[in-house]
Protein backbone atom coordinates (compact mmCIF):
# COMPACT_ATOMS: atom_id res chain seq x y z
CA MET A 1 2.54 -1.22 17.92
CA LYS A 2 6.26 -0.64 18.59
CA ASN A 3 6.51 1.35 15.35
CA LEU A 4 3.52 3.44 16.38
CA LEU A 5 5.02 4.21 19.77
CA SER A 6 8.44 4.91 18.24
CA THR A 7 6.94 7.29 15.70
CA THR A 8 4.97 9.11 18.38
CA ALA A 9 8.04 9.37 20.62
CA ILE A 10 10.14 10.76 17.77
CA LEU A 11 7.49 13.35 16.95
CA ILE A 12 7.35 14.48 20.56
CA VAL A 13 11.13 14.79 20.74
CA LEU A 14 11.19 16.79 17.52
CA SER A 15 8.62 19.19 18.89
CA PHE A 16 10.90 20.17 21.73
CA SER A 17 14.21 20.24 19.87
CA GLY A 18 13.02 22.84 17.39
CA ALA A 19 12.25 25.27 20.16
CA ALA A 20 15.51 24.78 22.03
CA PHE A 21 17.38 27.68 20.47
CA ALA A 22 14.37 29.96 20.60
CA HIS A 23 14.63 30.16 24.39
CA ALA A 24 17.91 32.06 24.43
CA ASP A 25 17.07 33.76 27.70
CA GLY A 26 19.08 31.54 30.02
CA LYS A 27 15.99 30.05 31.65
CA GLY A 28 16.04 26.88 29.59
CA LYS A 29 17.98 23.73 30.29
CA ASP A 30 20.92 22.05 28.62
CA ASN A 31 22.59 24.14 25.94
CA ASN A 32 20.32 27.17 26.37
CA ALA A 33 22.22 28.21 29.49
CA TYR A 34 25.54 27.73 27.69
CA ILE A 35 24.36 29.73 24.71
CA GLU A 36 23.11 32.49 27.00
CA GLN A 37 26.53 32.61 28.67
CA ALA A 38 28.11 33.00 25.23
CA ILE A 39 25.59 35.65 24.19
CA ALA A 40 26.30 37.55 27.40
CA LYS A 41 29.92 37.89 26.22
CA LEU A 42 28.81 39.69 23.05
CA PRO A 43 28.62 43.45 22.80
CA ALA A 44 25.32 44.59 24.36
CA ASP A 45 23.75 45.60 21.03
CA ASP A 46 24.66 42.28 19.39
CA ALA A 47 23.38 40.30 22.37
CA ALA A 48 20.10 42.21 22.37
CA GLN A 49 19.67 41.71 18.63
CA PHE A 50 20.44 37.99 18.97
CA ARG A 51 17.87 37.57 21.75
CA ASP A 52 15.27 39.62 19.88
CA THR A 53 15.71 37.60 16.69
CA MET A 54 15.33 34.30 18.54
CA LYS A 55 12.37 35.61 20.53
CA GLN A 56 10.62 36.53 17.28
CA ALA A 57 11.18 33.00 15.97
CA HIS A 58 9.85 31.58 19.21
CA GLU A 59 6.73 33.74 18.97
CA LYS A 60 6.25 32.69 15.35
CA ASN A 61 6.54 29.05 16.40
CA MET A 62 4.15 29.51 19.33
CA ALA A 63 1.53 30.61 16.82
CA ILE A 64 1.89 27.15 15.25
CA HIS A 65 1.37 25.31 18.54
CA ASP A 66 -2.43 25.32 18.28
CA GLN A 67 -2.09 23.51 14.97
CA ILE A 68 0.21 20.95 16.61
CA HIS A 69 -2.22 20.37 19.46
CA ASP A 70 -5.05 19.87 16.97
CA LEU A 71 -2.95 17.38 15.01
CA HIS A 72 -2.07 15.49 18.19
CA ASP A 73 -5.77 15.34 19.06
CA ASP A 74 -6.48 14.01 15.57
CA MET A 75 -3.73 11.39 16.01
CA GLU A 76 -5.26 10.31 19.31
CA ASP A 77 -8.68 9.94 17.64
CA ILE A 78 -7.19 7.94 14.77
CA MET A 79 -5.34 5.64 17.15
CA ALA A 80 -8.44 5.06 19.28
CA ALA A 81 -10.74 4.39 16.33
CA GLU A 82 -11.93 0.91 15.46
CA PRO A 83 -10.89 -0.20 12.99
CA PHE A 84 -7.47 1.44 12.98
CA ASP A 85 -6.87 3.32 9.71
CA GLU A 86 -3.18 3.04 8.85
CA ASN A 87 -3.49 5.43 5.91
CA ALA A 88 -5.14 8.11 8.04
CA PHE A 89 -2.45 7.65 10.68
CA ARG A 90 0.35 7.96 8.13
CA ALA A 91 -1.24 11.04 6.54
CA LYS A 92 -1.71 12.76 9.91
CA SER A 93 1.83 11.82 10.94
CA LYS A 94 3.11 13.40 7.75
CA GLN A 95 1.16 16.59 8.47
CA LEU A 96 2.60 16.70 11.96
CA ARG A 97 6.17 16.20 10.71
CA GLU A 98 5.66 19.01 8.20
CA VAL A 99 4.50 21.39 10.93
CA TYR A 100 7.47 20.47 13.11
CA GLU A 101 9.74 20.98 10.11
CA THR A 102 8.25 24.46 9.63
CA MET A 103 9.04 25.25 13.26
CA ARG A 104 12.60 23.96 12.85
CA GLU A 105 13.06 26.03 9.69
CA ASN A 106 11.78 29.13 11.50
CA THR A 107 14.30 28.55 14.28
CA ASP A 108 17.18 27.74 11.93
CA ASP A 109 16.47 30.81 9.80
CA ALA A 110 16.36 33.05 12.87
CA PHE A 111 19.54 31.55 14.29
CA ALA A 112 21.39 32.03 11.00
CA SER A 113 20.18 35.61 10.88
CA ALA A 114 21.14 36.19 14.51
CA VAL A 115 24.75 35.08 14.03
CA ALA A 116 25.26 36.40 10.49
CA HIS A 117 26.39 39.84 11.64
CA LEU A 118 28.73 38.51 14.36
CA SER A 119 32.47 38.41 13.92
CA GLN A 120 34.19 35.09 13.37
CA ASP A 121 35.42 35.04 16.99
CA GLU A 122 31.92 35.78 18.28
CA ARG A 123 30.46 33.00 16.12
CA LYS A 124 33.14 30.63 17.45
CA THR A 125 32.11 31.53 21.01
CA VAL A 126 28.46 30.76 20.27
CA ALA A 127 29.43 27.56 18.39
CA ALA A 128 31.54 26.37 21.32
CA ALA A 129 28.63 27.01 23.68
CA MET A 130 26.31 25.00 21.44
CA ALA A 131 28.78 22.12 21.29
CA TYR A 132 29.66 22.06 24.99
CA PRO A 133 26.68 20.01 26.24
CA HIS A 134 27.24 17.47 23.47
CA LYS A 135 30.94 17.20 24.21
CA LYS A 136 30.18 16.97 27.92
CA HIS A 137 27.83 14.02 27.30
CA ALA A 138 30.37 12.35 25.01
CA HIS A 139 32.97 12.66 27.77
CA LYS A 140 30.60 11.05 30.29
CA ASP A 141 29.89 8.23 27.84
CA ALA A 142 33.63 7.65 27.31
CA ASN A 143 34.14 7.40 31.09
CA LYS A 144 31.36 4.82 31.38
CA THR A 145 33.21 2.38 29.12
CA GLN A 146 36.34 2.46 31.25
């Protein structure tokens, strides 16, 4: 049962992490606001192109959401069935992971495309914005041990 709950929790977390960069409009939480601040420092045309590219990826991923909801419904049915079918659960879990992976690939491809035309300094600015929330959390964790 713990493995089942852990697997489900991981799948839910993955579903949200893939969309994180797609919301480069400053309305998201965590690193989205930092990335938006970095994008705002870019020349207007570059910033608009970056946002447009990520918005397209987000829209592409939103088209996949119905499939994800259907798979989650299937998972719920499998888990509630008597007797529990481990093979069906594993197969449906694999399908769900593959769909999430497709979403992540869509986002990664769009992000790579969005930064490919930026200068090295502009890419460094975006990279620093992406890293800031992680470094901020690492700093908090280091303070907790003292």
